[in-house]
Amino acid sequence: MRGEARKAFEMKDLLCKLGKKLGYEVDVEARPESELGGLMMRYDVLWYLKQPEWYSRLLEIVLSRDDLDPKYRELIERKANVKRQLLVAFEIEASDTTTKAMKGTISNLSKLPYGIIVVKRGRKEASKTEGSIRNRFERALLEFRTLHGPNNVIVVSFDDIKKLAEELGVK
């Protein structure tokens, strides 16, 4: 395993341990569960919450009505089939990537409650004005927000995640 791939694997493992410690259901390298069915995008690490019992019961009550429009009934049935709610998706970038790919990653995370891009601080790019991959992701995120509005995506470093895990007693 190359150094970058090993570091990315270690970060996925740490995020899984951290998610489980915090009480979430965790998936790795998976498509998100959604009422939309099988989406093509995959995330490196996903943290889910179980759907609240009151919400499941409310959906059952709505489905028991006989006056629902068929298309609305289909929507509620799809919602009822989702047993957990995606709370956080992580994308890990251990090596350099293009700005276009960065914006795609940001876009894929932008509609989630929490989208977190974890980047290795790494080496400086060839040009000192470009900065590290983390700095480039931060600039791409700011540009994306200017064009598309606010979202819940943030860019953090491997060290930031390690520090949080350490504070929470996760190794």
Protein backbone atom coordinates (compact mmCIF):
# COMPACT_ATOMS: atom_id res chain seq x y z
CA MET A 1 0.00 0.00 0.00
CA ARG A 2 1.44 3.39 -0.99
CA GLY A 3 1.96 5.99 1.73
CA GLU A 4 -1.02 8.12 0.64
CA ALA A 5 -3.32 5.12 0.36
CA ARG A 6 -2.20 3.88 3.80
CA LYS A 7 -2.85 7.30 5.35
CA ALA A 8 -6.32 7.43 3.76
CA PHE A 9 -7.10 3.92 5.04
CA GLU A 10 -5.95 4.88 8.55
CA MET A 11 -8.14 8.00 8.42
CA LYS A 12 -11.20 5.94 7.36
CA ASP A 13 -10.54 3.57 10.22
CA LEU A 14 -10.25 6.46 12.69
CA LEU A 15 -13.47 8.06 11.41
CA CYS A 16 -15.27 4.72 11.82
CA LYS A 17 -14.04 4.33 15.39
CA LEU A 18 -14.96 7.94 16.14
CA GLY A 19 -18.46 7.55 14.69
CA LYS A 20 -19.11 4.37 16.66
CA LYS A 21 -17.82 6.00 19.86
CA LEU A 22 -20.31 8.83 19.29
CA GLY A 23 -23.18 6.36 18.86
CA TYR A 24 -23.68 6.45 15.10
CA GLU A 25 -24.17 3.58 12.69
CA VAL A 26 -21.18 3.66 10.33
CA ASP A 27 -20.72 2.63 6.69
CA VAL A 28 -17.51 2.74 4.66
CA GLU A 29 -17.16 3.24 0.91
CA ALA A 30 -20.92 3.10 0.47
CA ARG A 31 -23.75 4.78 -1.34
CA PRO A 32 -25.99 6.71 1.02
CA GLU A 33 -29.35 5.22 1.95
CA SER A 34 -32.02 7.53 0.64
CA GLU A 35 -35.69 7.75 -0.27
CA LEU A 36 -34.39 8.46 -3.77
CA GLY A 37 -33.11 4.90 -4.04
CA GLY A 38 -29.66 4.00 -5.30
CA LEU A 39 -27.68 7.14 -5.88
CA MET A 40 -24.49 6.71 -7.89
CA MET A 41 -22.24 8.68 -5.55
CA ARG A 42 -20.24 6.91 -2.85
CA TYR A 43 -18.72 8.42 0.24
CA ASP A 44 -15.63 7.31 2.11
CA VAL A 45 -17.31 7.21 5.53
CA LEU A 46 -20.97 7.72 6.48
CA TRP A 47 -22.50 8.28 9.91
CA TYR A 48 -26.21 7.50 10.35
CA LEU A 49 -28.80 8.00 13.06
CA LYS A 50 -31.64 5.54 13.47
CA GLN A 51 -34.89 7.04 12.27
CA PRO A 52 -36.83 8.24 15.33
CA GLU A 53 -39.70 5.98 16.37
CA TRP A 54 -42.16 8.87 16.39
CA TYR A 55 -41.33 9.63 12.73
CA SER A 56 -41.75 5.98 11.68
CA ARG A 57 -45.10 5.88 13.48
CA LEU A 58 -46.23 9.13 11.84
CA LEU A 59 -45.44 7.70 8.41
CA GLU A 60 -47.48 4.59 9.27
CA ILE A 61 -50.42 6.79 10.29
CA VAL A 62 -50.22 8.75 7.05
CA LEU A 63 -50.05 5.51 5.03
CA SER A 64 -53.17 4.19 6.79
CA ARG A 65 -55.27 6.92 5.18
CA ASP A 66 -57.21 5.94 2.08
CA ASP A 67 -57.40 9.44 0.61
CA LEU A 68 -53.74 9.81 -0.46
CA ASP A 69 -52.84 10.76 -3.97
CA PRO A 70 -51.05 7.69 -5.44
CA LYS A 71 -47.84 9.61 -6.13
CA TYR A 72 -47.84 11.05 -2.61
CA ARG A 73 -48.43 7.55 -1.19
CA GLU A 74 -45.41 6.35 -3.16
CA LEU A 75 -43.30 9.17 -1.68
CA ILE A 76 -44.38 8.32 1.88
CA GLU A 77 -43.72 4.61 1.27
CA ARG A 78 -40.19 5.43 0.09
CA LYS A 79 -39.63 7.51 3.22
CA ALA A 80 -40.97 4.68 5.39
CA ASN A 81 -38.48 2.25 3.84
CA VAL A 82 -35.52 4.35 4.98
CA LYS A 83 -34.71 3.09 8.48
CA ARG A 84 -31.86 5.46 9.25
CA GLN A 85 -31.02 9.03 8.41
CA LEU A 86 -27.69 10.11 7.01
CA LEU A 87 -26.18 12.74 9.25
CA VAL A 88 -22.53 13.05 8.18
CA ALA A 89 -20.58 12.06 5.08
CA PHE A 90 -16.81 12.25 4.92
CA GLU A 91 -14.66 12.44 1.82
CA ILE A 92 -10.96 11.83 2.35
CA GLU A 93 -8.35 13.38 0.05
CA ALA A 94 -4.86 12.12 0.80
CA SER A 95 -3.30 13.32 -2.44
CA ASP A 96 -3.61 16.19 -4.85
CA THR A 97 -6.71 16.62 -7.00
CA THR A 98 -7.95 19.10 -9.59
CA THR A 99 -10.03 22.12 -8.66
CA LYS A 100 -12.83 20.74 -10.84
CA ALA A 101 -12.82 17.48 -8.84
CA MET A 102 -12.78 19.51 -5.61
CA LYS A 103 -15.94 21.36 -6.65
CA GLY A 104 -17.60 18.05 -7.55
CA THR A 105 -16.80 16.70 -4.09
CA ILE A 106 -18.20 19.85 -2.50
CA SER A 107 -21.35 19.62 -4.64
CA ASN A 108 -21.92 15.97 -3.66
CA LEU A 109 -21.72 16.87 0.03
CA SER A 110 -23.60 20.18 -0.14
CA LYS A 111 -27.16 18.92 0.50
CA LEU A 112 -26.29 16.79 3.53
CA PRO A 113 -26.74 17.85 7.15
CA TYR A 114 -22.94 17.69 7.54
CA GLY A 115 -20.41 17.18 4.75
CA ILE A 116 -16.79 17.00 5.80
CA ILE A 117 -13.80 16.94 3.48
CA VAL A 118 -10.73 15.59 5.26
CA VAL A 119 -7.48 16.53 3.54
CA LYS A 120 -3.90 15.78 4.28
CA ARG A 121 -2.10 19.04 4.88
CA GLY A 122 0.66 17.61 2.77
CA ARG A 123 3.26 19.28 0.71
CA LYS A 124 2.95 22.73 -0.71
CA GLU A 125 1.97 22.85 -4.35
CA ALA A 126 4.55 23.93 -6.93
CA SER A 127 3.45 27.54 -6.73
CA LYS A 128 3.65 29.20 -3.32
CA THR A 129 0.60 31.30 -4.19
CA GLU A 130 -1.47 28.13 -4.71
CA GLY A 131 -0.85 26.79 -1.20
CA SER A 132 -1.60 23.30 0.08
CA ILE A 133 -4.44 21.07 -1.08
CA ARG A 134 -6.31 22.10 2.07
CA ASN A 135 -5.99 25.78 1.15
CA ARG A 136 -7.16 25.04 -2.39
CA PHE A 137 -10.19 23.10 -1.09
CA GLU A 138 -11.03 25.99 1.23
CA ARG A 139 -10.94 28.45 -1.68
CA ALA A 140 -13.04 26.10 -3.84
CA LEU A 141 -15.60 25.82 -1.03
CA LEU A 142 -15.81 29.59 -0.64
CA GLU A 143 -16.31 29.99 -4.40
CA PHE A 144 -18.97 27.24 -4.41
CA ARG A 145 -20.83 29.00 -1.57
CA THR A 146 -20.72 32.29 -3.47
CA LEU A 147 -22.26 30.65 -6.53
CA HIS A 148 -24.71 28.22 -4.88
CA GLY A 149 -25.40 29.61 -1.42
CA PRO A 150 -24.76 28.34 2.09
CA ASN A 151 -24.25 24.67 2.86
CA ASN A 152 -22.91 22.55 5.71
CA VAL A 153 -19.64 21.51 4.09
CA ILE A 154 -16.35 22.13 5.86
CA VAL A 155 -12.74 21.31 5.06
CA VAL A 156 -10.58 19.89 7.84
CA SER A 157 -7.12 18.36 8.02
CA PHE A 158 -6.09 14.87 9.06
CA ASP A 159 -4.57 16.49 12.14
CA ASP A 160 -7.89 18.15 13.05
CA ILE A 161 -9.65 14.75 13.04
CA LYS A 162 -6.81 13.15 15.02
CA LYS A 163 -7.05 15.91 17.62
CA LEU A 164 -10.82 15.44 17.96
CA ALA A 165 -10.40 11.68 18.29
CA GLU A 166 -7.70 12.16 20.91
CA GLU A 167 -9.94 14.53 22.91
CA LEU A 168 -12.74 11.94 22.80
CA GLY A 169 -10.43 9.06 23.77
CA VAL A 170 -10.53 7.31 20.39
CA LYS A 171 -7.36 5.69 19.06
